[in-house]
Amino acid sequence: MHGDDHDGQTCGRCEEPIPVDADYCPMCGYRPAGYNRTATRVGMYVFGAVCVASIVVFIAGVSGIAPGIPTETISKMAIVTPYTAGISGFFTYYLYQKHGAEPTDDEVWG
């Protein structure tokens, strides 16, 4: 394992050299990306969709254009959409970062 294929990367737990493309440390098994990649991808898409929907509702509420929905209802919903867009955007970004993490990417995990 101490060959030329580790390219200077070390494990976040045992600090042994590991290959850059490894999903987990071959020495200690540390896997900060030890989560379900499919669930992370689905969460990323769901939060992204909520963010986009929040922005659309906000624009419709501010402009007063909402086909088939009473204007006062959409205007009331538009009050909270900046918050939901911000929170959803944050979680979308976080899950995007988490999805691409490798065992040497400890800064993603804090």
Protein backbone atom coordinates (compact mmCIF):
# COMPACT_ATOMS: atom_id res chain seq x y z
CA MET A 1 0.00 0.00 0.00
CA HIS A 2 2.97 2.30 0.33
CA GLY A 3 3.58 2.42 -3.42
CA ASP A 4 3.45 5.35 -5.81
CA ASP A 5 -0.34 5.16 -6.27
CA HIS A 6 -1.26 7.18 -3.16
CA ASP A 7 -0.05 10.51 -4.54
CA GLY A 8 0.52 12.01 -1.07
CA GLN A 9 -3.04 11.47 0.23
CA THR A 10 -3.50 10.23 3.78
CA CYS A 11 -6.43 8.77 5.65
CA GLY A 12 -8.28 11.15 7.96
CA ARG A 13 -8.27 8.60 10.80
CA CYS A 14 -5.07 6.50 10.70
CA GLU A 15 -3.01 8.88 8.52
CA GLU A 16 -1.72 6.03 6.35
CA PRO A 17 -1.19 6.72 2.64
CA ILE A 18 -4.11 5.64 0.49
CA PRO A 19 -4.91 5.73 -3.24
CA VAL A 20 -6.63 8.91 -4.39
CA ASP A 21 -9.51 7.01 -6.02
CA ALA A 22 -10.23 4.80 -2.96
CA ASP A 23 -13.71 4.89 -1.43
CA TYR A 24 -12.36 3.87 1.96
CA CYS A 25 -9.01 3.45 3.69
CA PRO A 26 -7.61 -0.01 2.93
CA MET A 27 -5.70 0.01 6.25
CA CYS A 28 -8.38 0.93 8.80
CA GLY A 29 -11.58 0.91 6.73
CA TYR A 30 -12.38 4.58 7.47
CA ARG A 31 -15.09 5.72 5.13
CA PRO A 32 -16.32 9.28 5.66
CA ALA A 33 -18.38 8.74 2.56
CA GLY A 34 -19.98 5.81 4.42
CA TYR A 35 -23.50 6.75 3.45
CA ASN A 36 -25.94 5.65 0.82
CA ARG A 37 -24.94 7.48 -2.37
CA THR A 38 -28.38 6.92 -3.91
CA ALA A 39 -30.17 8.44 -0.91
CA THR A 40 -27.77 11.39 -0.97
CA ARG A 41 -28.43 11.95 -4.67
CA VAL A 42 -32.21 11.73 -4.17
CA GLY A 43 -32.02 14.20 -1.25
CA MET A 44 -29.95 16.54 -3.36
CA TYR A 45 -32.57 16.50 -6.13
CA VAL A 46 -35.49 16.89 -3.69
CA PHE A 47 -33.93 19.89 -1.93
CA GLY A 48 -33.02 21.36 -5.32
CA ALA A 49 -36.62 21.00 -6.51
CA VAL A 50 -37.94 22.62 -3.31
CA CYS A 51 -35.51 25.50 -3.83
CA VAL A 52 -36.68 26.05 -7.42
CA ALA A 53 -40.36 25.74 -6.45
CA SER A 54 -39.85 28.28 -3.66
CA ILE A 55 -38.34 30.76 -6.08
CA VAL A 56 -41.23 30.27 -8.53
CA VAL A 57 -43.82 30.78 -5.77
CA PHE A 58 -41.99 33.89 -4.57
CA ILE A 59 -41.94 35.40 -8.07
CA ALA A 60 -45.62 34.54 -8.59
CA GLY A 61 -46.55 36.03 -5.22
CA VAL A 62 -44.62 39.24 -5.71
CA SER A 63 -45.81 39.78 -9.26
CA GLY A 64 -49.41 38.79 -8.50
CA ILE A 65 -49.50 36.32 -11.37
CA ALA A 66 -50.82 32.95 -10.24
CA PRO A 67 -53.15 31.20 -12.69
CA GLY A 68 -56.00 29.46 -10.89
CA ILE A 69 -54.84 30.42 -7.38
CA PRO A 70 -56.28 33.36 -5.45
CA THR A 71 -53.75 36.20 -5.32
CA GLU A 72 -53.91 36.59 -1.54
CA THR A 73 -53.12 32.89 -1.01
CA ILE A 74 -50.02 32.95 -3.20
CA SER A 75 -48.95 36.26 -1.66
CA LYS A 76 -49.11 34.73 1.82
CA MET A 77 -47.08 31.74 0.65
CA ALA A 78 -44.50 34.06 -0.92
CA ILE A 79 -43.65 35.44 2.52
CA VAL A 80 -41.90 32.23 3.64
CA THR A 81 -40.38 31.19 0.32
CA PRO A 82 -37.09 33.10 0.71
CA TYR A 83 -36.48 31.07 3.86
CA THR A 84 -37.37 27.75 2.27
CA ALA A 85 -35.28 28.60 -0.80
CA GLY A 86 -32.27 29.47 1.35
CA ILE A 87 -32.52 26.40 3.56
CA SER A 88 -33.14 24.08 0.61
CA GLY A 89 -30.28 25.65 -1.32
CA PHE A 90 -27.94 25.10 1.63
CA PHE A 91 -28.86 21.44 1.97
CA THR A 92 -28.59 20.92 -1.78
CA TYR A 93 -25.05 22.32 -1.72
CA TYR A 94 -24.14 20.29 1.38
CA LEU A 95 -25.38 17.03 -0.14
CA TYR A 96 -23.59 17.84 -3.39
CA GLN A 97 -20.33 18.24 -1.46
CA LYS A 98 -20.99 15.09 0.58
CA HIS A 99 -21.80 13.06 -2.52
CA GLY A 100 -18.38 13.65 -4.05
CA ALA A 101 -16.32 13.22 -0.86
CA GLU A 102 -13.42 10.80 -0.67
CA PRO A 103 -11.71 9.40 2.47
CA THR A 104 -9.12 12.19 2.31
CA ASP A 105 -11.72 14.97 2.24
CA ASP A 106 -12.08 15.54 5.99
CA GLU A 107 -12.80 19.26 5.57
CA VAL A 108 -16.24 18.33 4.18
CA TRP A 109 -17.06 16.53 7.42
CA GLY A 110 -15.77 19.12 9.90
